[in-house]
């Protein structure tokens, strides 16, 4: 058991286990790029926390901030290649949820939603 201490798993968990991190990354895979998009997609997420999370994702080199225009100030957030490499992990999490879903009537646990996730994440057969 102790052999996995300080493994790459620990590094990955440290990067993505913080609250809201995977929600924001998921939203970026789905095409969201603007601050207000993330707030709309995650109603319980506050502006202050979102700002902190985006800043941390930039520091972790998972997201890049792009100033589209200065007047009016328009900023977009995009996944870096490092961030896009999370697609397979997110797909595996989705597959786990699909296969192990307790409530089979849940809309997020349909085969269609699972296949759509595959498409959004750019997973090829």
N, C-alpha and C. Protein backbone atom coordinates (compact mmCIF):
# COMPACT_ATOMS: atom_id res chain seq x y z
N UNK A 1 0.82 -1.20 0.00
CA UNK A 1 0.00 0.00 0.00
C UNK A 1 0.86 1.25 0.00
N UNK A 2 1.90 1.27 0.82
CA UNK A 2 2.75 2.44 0.92
C UNK A 2 3.56 2.72 -0.33
N UNK A 3 3.62 1.78 -1.25
CA UNK A 3 4.41 1.97 -2.46
C UNK A 3 3.83 3.02 -3.38
N UNK A 4 2.56 3.34 -3.26
CA UNK A 4 1.95 4.34 -4.13
C UNK A 4 2.05 5.75 -3.59
N UNK A 5 2.62 5.91 -2.40
CA UNK A 5 2.80 7.26 -1.88
C UNK A 5 3.72 8.03 -2.81
N UNK A 6 3.36 9.28 -3.05
CA UNK A 6 4.14 10.16 -3.92
C UNK A 6 4.24 9.64 -5.35
N UNK A 7 3.15 9.10 -5.82
CA UNK A 7 3.11 8.57 -7.18
C UNK A 7 2.53 9.62 -8.12
N UNK A 8 2.57 9.35 -9.43
CA UNK A 8 1.92 10.26 -10.37
C UNK A 8 0.43 10.43 -10.06
N UNK A 9 -0.18 9.43 -9.46
CA UNK A 9 -1.59 9.52 -9.09
C UNK A 9 -1.79 10.68 -8.12
N UNK A 10 -0.88 10.81 -7.17
CA UNK A 10 -0.97 11.90 -6.19
C UNK A 10 -0.90 13.27 -6.88
N UNK A 11 -0.01 13.39 -7.85
CA UNK A 11 0.12 14.65 -8.59
C UNK A 11 -1.17 14.97 -9.34
N UNK A 12 -1.73 13.96 -10.01
CA UNK A 12 -2.98 14.16 -10.75
C UNK A 12 -4.12 14.53 -9.82
N UNK A 13 -4.22 13.84 -8.71
CA UNK A 13 -5.28 14.13 -7.74
C UNK A 13 -5.14 15.55 -7.22
N UNK A 14 -3.93 15.96 -6.95
CA UNK A 14 -3.70 17.33 -6.45
C UNK A 14 -4.17 18.36 -7.48
N UNK A 15 -3.93 18.09 -8.76
CA UNK A 15 -4.32 19.04 -9.81
C UNK A 15 -5.83 19.15 -10.00
N UNK A 16 -6.55 18.01 -9.93
CA UNK A 16 -7.95 18.04 -10.34
C UNK A 16 -8.97 17.81 -9.24
N UNK A 17 -8.52 17.55 -8.03
CA UNK A 17 -9.49 17.19 -6.99
C UNK A 17 -10.13 18.38 -6.27
N UNK A 18 -9.65 19.56 -6.55
CA UNK A 18 -10.22 20.73 -5.87
C UNK A 18 -11.64 20.99 -6.38
N UNK A 19 -12.48 21.43 -5.47
CA UNK A 19 -13.89 21.69 -5.81
C UNK A 19 -14.00 22.63 -6.99
N UNK A 20 -14.86 22.32 -7.91
CA UNK A 20 -15.21 23.06 -9.12
C UNK A 20 -14.23 22.87 -10.27
N UNK A 21 -13.05 22.33 -10.01
CA UNK A 21 -12.04 22.22 -11.06
C UNK A 21 -12.53 21.38 -12.23
N UNK A 22 -13.04 20.19 -11.97
CA UNK A 22 -13.50 19.34 -13.07
C UNK A 22 -14.75 19.89 -13.74
N UNK A 23 -15.58 20.60 -12.99
CA UNK A 23 -16.76 21.23 -13.61
C UNK A 23 -16.32 22.27 -14.64
N UNK A 24 -15.33 23.07 -14.30
CA UNK A 24 -14.85 24.11 -15.20
C UNK A 24 -14.19 23.47 -16.42
N UNK A 25 -13.38 22.45 -16.20
CA UNK A 25 -12.72 21.76 -17.31
C UNK A 25 -13.76 21.09 -18.21
N UNK A 26 -14.76 20.46 -17.61
CA UNK A 26 -15.84 19.86 -18.39
C UNK A 26 -16.52 20.91 -19.26
N UNK A 27 -16.81 22.07 -18.67
CA UNK A 27 -17.46 23.15 -19.42
C UNK A 27 -16.61 23.59 -20.60
N UNK A 28 -15.30 23.63 -20.42
CA UNK A 28 -14.42 24.02 -21.52
C UNK A 28 -14.46 22.99 -22.65
N UNK A 29 -14.50 21.72 -22.30
CA UNK A 29 -14.64 20.69 -23.33
C UNK A 29 -15.96 20.84 -24.08
N UNK A 30 -16.97 21.35 -23.40
CA UNK A 30 -18.29 21.54 -24.02
C UNK A 30 -18.40 22.86 -24.76
N UNK A 31 -17.34 23.64 -24.79
CA UNK A 31 -17.33 24.85 -25.59
C UNK A 31 -17.42 26.16 -24.82
N UNK A 32 -17.55 26.11 -23.53
CA UNK A 32 -17.60 27.35 -22.75
C UNK A 32 -16.21 27.97 -22.70
N UNK A 33 -16.15 29.29 -22.90
CA UNK A 33 -14.87 29.98 -22.86
C UNK A 33 -14.92 31.26 -22.03
N UNK A 34 -16.11 31.73 -21.72
CA UNK A 34 -16.26 33.01 -21.03
C UNK A 34 -16.64 32.81 -19.56
N UNK A 35 -16.19 33.74 -18.75
CA UNK A 35 -16.43 33.74 -17.31
C UNK A 35 -17.91 33.51 -17.00
N UNK A 36 -18.78 34.27 -17.64
CA UNK A 36 -20.21 34.15 -17.35
C UNK A 36 -20.79 32.80 -17.78
N UNK A 37 -20.20 32.16 -18.79
CA UNK A 37 -20.63 30.80 -19.18
C UNK A 37 -20.45 29.83 -18.02
N UNK A 38 -19.29 29.92 -17.37
CA UNK A 38 -19.01 29.01 -16.26
C UNK A 38 -19.96 29.25 -15.09
N UNK A 39 -20.28 30.51 -14.84
CA UNK A 39 -21.22 30.83 -13.77
C UNK A 39 -22.61 30.31 -14.10
N UNK A 40 -23.02 30.46 -15.35
CA UNK A 40 -24.35 30.00 -15.78
C UNK A 40 -24.45 28.48 -15.68
N UNK A 41 -23.40 27.79 -16.06
CA UNK A 41 -23.41 26.32 -16.03
C UNK A 41 -23.28 25.74 -14.63
N UNK A 42 -22.84 26.54 -13.69
CA UNK A 42 -22.62 26.08 -12.31
C UNK A 42 -23.23 27.10 -11.35
N UNK A 43 -24.56 27.10 -11.20
CA UNK A 43 -25.25 28.15 -10.44
C UNK A 43 -24.78 28.34 -9.00
N UNK A 44 -24.20 27.34 -8.39
CA UNK A 44 -23.75 27.48 -7.00
C UNK A 44 -22.32 28.01 -6.90
N UNK A 45 -21.68 28.20 -8.03
CA UNK A 45 -20.31 28.72 -8.08
C UNK A 45 -20.34 30.24 -8.04
N UNK A 46 -19.63 30.84 -7.10
CA UNK A 46 -19.59 32.30 -6.99
C UNK A 46 -18.52 32.88 -7.90
N UNK A 47 -18.67 34.14 -8.23
CA UNK A 47 -17.68 34.84 -9.07
C UNK A 47 -16.30 34.82 -8.44
N UNK A 48 -16.25 35.04 -7.14
CA UNK A 48 -14.97 35.08 -6.43
C UNK A 48 -14.27 33.73 -6.52
N UNK A 49 -14.99 32.66 -6.26
CA UNK A 49 -14.40 31.32 -6.32
C UNK A 49 -13.99 30.98 -7.75
N UNK A 50 -14.83 31.34 -8.72
CA UNK A 50 -14.48 31.07 -10.12
C UNK A 50 -13.18 31.78 -10.50
N UNK A 51 -13.04 33.03 -10.10
CA UNK A 51 -11.80 33.77 -10.38
C UNK A 51 -10.59 33.04 -9.81
N UNK A 52 -10.72 32.58 -8.58
CA UNK A 52 -9.63 31.85 -7.92
C UNK A 52 -9.32 30.55 -8.66
N UNK A 53 -10.36 29.83 -9.04
CA UNK A 53 -10.17 28.55 -9.73
C UNK A 53 -9.52 28.73 -11.09
N UNK A 54 -9.97 29.72 -11.85
CA UNK A 54 -9.38 29.97 -13.16
C UNK A 54 -7.91 30.38 -13.02
N UNK A 55 -7.61 31.19 -12.03
CA UNK A 55 -6.23 31.59 -11.77
C UNK A 55 -5.37 30.37 -11.44
N UNK A 56 -5.91 29.48 -10.60
CA UNK A 56 -5.17 28.27 -10.22
C UNK A 56 -4.98 27.34 -11.42
N UNK A 57 -6.02 27.21 -12.25
CA UNK A 57 -5.91 26.37 -13.45
C UNK A 57 -4.85 26.93 -14.41
N UNK A 58 -4.74 28.25 -14.46
CA UNK A 58 -3.68 28.87 -15.27
C UNK A 58 -2.30 28.53 -14.69
N UNK A 59 -2.16 28.67 -13.38
CA UNK A 59 -0.88 28.38 -12.73
C UNK A 59 -0.49 26.91 -12.92
N UNK A 60 -1.49 26.04 -12.93
CA UNK A 60 -1.24 24.60 -13.12
C UNK A 60 -1.05 24.24 -14.60
N UNK A 61 -1.15 25.26 -15.45
CA UNK A 61 -0.96 25.12 -16.90
C UNK A 61 -1.98 24.20 -17.56
N UNK A 62 -3.19 24.17 -17.00
CA UNK A 62 -4.28 23.41 -17.59
C UNK A 62 -5.14 24.31 -18.48
N UNK A 63 -5.11 25.61 -18.19
CA UNK A 63 -5.95 26.59 -18.88
C UNK A 63 -5.10 27.79 -19.24
N UNK A 64 -5.41 28.39 -20.39
CA UNK A 64 -4.76 29.65 -20.74
C UNK A 64 -5.82 30.74 -20.87
N UNK A 65 -5.44 31.92 -20.47
CA UNK A 65 -6.31 33.09 -20.53
C UNK A 65 -5.90 33.90 -21.75
N UNK A 66 -6.89 34.22 -22.58
CA UNK A 66 -6.62 34.96 -23.80
C UNK A 66 -7.45 36.24 -23.79
N UNK A 67 -6.78 37.38 -23.93
CA UNK A 67 -7.49 38.66 -24.03
C UNK A 67 -7.85 38.84 -25.50
N UNK A 68 -9.15 38.77 -25.79
CA UNK A 68 -9.64 38.86 -27.16
C UNK A 68 -9.70 40.32 -27.61
N UNK A 69 -10.18 41.20 -26.72
CA UNK A 69 -10.20 42.63 -27.03
C UNK A 69 -10.06 43.41 -25.72
N UNK A 70 -9.47 44.57 -25.85
CA UNK A 70 -9.27 45.41 -24.66
C UNK A 70 -10.42 46.38 -24.43
N UNK A 71 -11.12 46.75 -25.51
CA UNK A 71 -12.26 47.66 -25.38
C UNK A 71 -13.41 47.14 -26.21
N UNK A 72 -14.46 46.66 -25.65
CA UNK A 72 -14.58 46.32 -24.23
C UNK A 72 -13.72 45.09 -23.93
N UNK A 73 -13.32 44.99 -22.68
CA UNK A 73 -12.46 43.88 -22.27
C UNK A 73 -13.20 42.56 -22.46
N UNK A 74 -12.64 41.72 -23.31
CA UNK A 74 -13.22 40.40 -23.56
C UNK A 74 -12.12 39.37 -23.35
N UNK A 75 -12.37 38.45 -22.43
CA UNK A 75 -11.40 37.42 -22.09
C UNK A 75 -12.01 36.06 -22.35
N UNK A 76 -11.21 35.18 -22.90
CA UNK A 76 -11.61 33.79 -23.09
C UNK A 76 -10.63 32.88 -22.37
N UNK A 77 -11.14 31.74 -21.96
CA UNK A 77 -10.32 30.73 -21.31
C UNK A 77 -10.37 29.47 -22.16
N UNK A 78 -9.20 28.90 -22.40
CA UNK A 78 -9.11 27.70 -23.23
C UNK A 78 -8.21 26.68 -22.55
N UNK A 79 -8.51 25.42 -22.79
CA UNK A 79 -7.65 24.36 -22.28
C UNK A 79 -6.33 24.37 -23.03
N UNK A 80 -5.26 24.16 -22.31
CA UNK A 80 -3.95 23.98 -22.92
C UNK A 80 -3.87 22.52 -23.39
N UNK A 81 -2.79 22.16 -24.04
CA UNK A 81 -2.65 20.75 -24.44
C UNK A 81 -2.62 19.86 -23.19
N UNK A 82 -2.04 20.35 -22.13
CA UNK A 82 -2.03 19.60 -20.86
C UNK A 82 -3.46 19.42 -20.35
N UNK A 83 -4.26 20.45 -20.43
CA UNK A 83 -5.66 20.38 -20.01
C UNK A 83 -6.47 19.45 -20.89
N UNK A 84 -6.23 19.52 -22.20
CA UNK A 84 -6.95 18.64 -23.13
C UNK A 84 -6.61 17.17 -22.92
N UNK A 85 -5.44 16.92 -22.35
CA UNK A 85 -5.04 15.53 -22.07
C UNK A 85 -5.89 14.89 -20.96
N UNK A 86 -6.72 15.67 -20.33
CA UNK A 86 -7.63 15.12 -19.31
C UNK A 86 -8.85 14.46 -19.95
N UNK A 87 -8.98 14.53 -21.27
CA UNK A 87 -10.17 14.00 -21.92
C UNK A 87 -10.37 12.51 -21.64
N UNK A 88 -9.33 11.72 -21.67
CA UNK A 88 -9.48 10.27 -21.43
C UNK A 88 -9.87 9.98 -19.98
N UNK A 89 -9.32 10.76 -19.07
CA UNK A 89 -9.69 10.59 -17.67
C UNK A 89 -11.16 10.91 -17.46
N UNK A 90 -11.61 12.02 -18.04
CA UNK A 90 -13.02 12.39 -17.90
C UNK A 90 -13.93 11.35 -18.55
N UNK A 91 -13.49 10.79 -19.67
CA UNK A 91 -14.27 9.76 -20.33
C UNK A 91 -14.36 8.51 -19.45
N UNK A 92 -13.28 8.15 -18.82
CA UNK A 92 -13.29 6.98 -17.92
C UNK A 92 -14.19 7.23 -16.72
N UNK A 93 -14.18 8.43 -16.19
CA UNK A 93 -15.08 8.77 -15.08
C UNK A 93 -16.53 8.66 -15.55
N UNK A 94 -16.78 9.17 -16.75
CA UNK A 94 -18.12 9.08 -17.33
C UNK A 94 -18.54 7.62 -17.50
N UNK A 95 -17.63 6.79 -18.00
CA UNK A 95 -17.92 5.37 -18.17
C UNK A 95 -18.21 4.68 -16.86
N UNK A 96 -17.45 5.03 -15.83
CA UNK A 96 -17.70 4.47 -14.50
C UNK A 96 -19.10 4.83 -14.03
N UNK A 97 -19.46 6.11 -14.18
CA UNK A 97 -20.79 6.56 -13.75
C UNK A 97 -21.88 5.87 -14.55
N UNK A 98 -21.67 5.71 -15.84
CA UNK A 98 -22.67 5.07 -16.70
C UNK A 98 -22.87 3.61 -16.29
N UNK A 99 -21.79 2.90 -16.04
CA UNK A 99 -21.88 1.47 -15.71
C UNK A 99 -22.35 1.22 -14.29
N UNK A 100 -22.02 2.13 -13.38
CA UNK A 100 -22.32 1.91 -11.97
C UNK A 100 -23.47 2.75 -11.46
N UNK A 101 -24.19 3.40 -12.36
CA UNK A 101 -25.29 4.29 -11.97
C UNK A 101 -26.32 3.53 -11.14
N UNK A 102 -26.63 4.06 -9.99
CA UNK A 102 -27.61 3.44 -9.11
C UNK A 102 -29.02 3.64 -9.66
N UNK A 103 -29.31 4.85 -10.09
CA UNK A 103 -30.63 5.18 -10.60
C UNK A 103 -30.59 5.12 -12.12
N UNK A 104 -30.96 4.01 -12.68
CA UNK A 104 -30.87 3.80 -14.12
C UNK A 104 -31.78 4.73 -14.92
N UNK A 105 -32.73 5.38 -14.26
CA UNK A 105 -33.61 6.30 -14.97
C UNK A 105 -33.02 7.71 -15.06
N UNK A 106 -31.88 7.91 -14.42
CA UNK A 106 -31.25 9.23 -14.44
C UNK A 106 -30.85 9.60 -15.86
N UNK A 107 -31.14 10.83 -16.26
CA UNK A 107 -30.87 11.26 -17.64
C UNK A 107 -29.38 11.26 -17.95
N UNK A 108 -28.53 11.45 -16.96
CA UNK A 108 -27.10 11.47 -17.23
C UNK A 108 -26.51 10.07 -17.38
N UNK A 109 -27.32 9.05 -17.19
CA UNK A 109 -26.84 7.66 -17.26
C UNK A 109 -27.39 6.90 -18.46
N UNK A 110 -27.66 7.59 -19.53
CA UNK A 110 -28.16 6.92 -20.72
C UNK A 110 -27.00 6.62 -21.66
N UNK A 111 -27.20 5.65 -22.52
CA UNK A 111 -26.17 5.33 -23.50
C UNK A 111 -25.91 6.52 -24.41
N UNK A 112 -26.98 7.24 -24.76
CA UNK A 112 -26.82 8.41 -25.62
C UNK A 112 -25.92 9.46 -24.96
N UNK A 113 -26.13 9.75 -23.69
CA UNK A 113 -25.32 10.76 -23.02
C UNK A 113 -23.87 10.29 -22.88
N UNK A 114 -23.69 8.99 -22.70
CA UNK A 114 -22.34 8.43 -22.62
C UNK A 114 -21.62 8.59 -23.96
N UNK A 115 -22.31 8.31 -25.06
CA UNK A 115 -21.72 8.45 -26.40
C UNK A 115 -21.48 9.93 -26.73
N UNK A 116 -22.37 10.80 -26.30
CA UNK A 116 -22.20 12.23 -26.51
C UNK A 116 -20.95 12.72 -25.77
N UNK A 117 -20.75 12.22 -24.58
CA UNK A 117 -19.55 12.57 -23.81
C UNK A 117 -18.30 12.18 -24.59
N UNK A 118 -18.33 11.01 -25.17
CA UNK A 118 -17.20 10.52 -25.98
C UNK A 118 -16.92 11.49 -27.12
N UNK A 119 -17.96 11.95 -27.78
CA UNK A 119 -17.82 12.88 -28.90
C UNK A 119 -17.26 14.23 -28.44
N UNK A 120 -17.82 14.76 -27.37
CA UNK A 120 -17.39 16.07 -26.85
C UNK A 120 -15.92 16.04 -26.43
N UNK A 121 -15.52 14.93 -25.83
CA UNK A 121 -14.13 14.83 -25.34
C UNK A 121 -13.15 14.46 -26.45
N UNK A 122 -13.66 14.15 -27.63
CA UNK A 122 -12.77 13.82 -28.74
C UNK A 122 -12.12 12.47 -28.61
N UNK A 123 -12.84 11.52 -28.01
CA UNK A 123 -12.31 10.17 -27.83
C UNK A 123 -12.63 9.37 -29.09
N UNK A 124 -11.62 8.76 -29.66
CA UNK A 124 -11.82 7.93 -30.84
C UNK A 124 -11.83 6.46 -30.42
N UNK A 125 -12.54 5.66 -31.20
CA UNK A 125 -12.65 4.22 -30.88
C UNK A 125 -11.32 3.54 -30.88
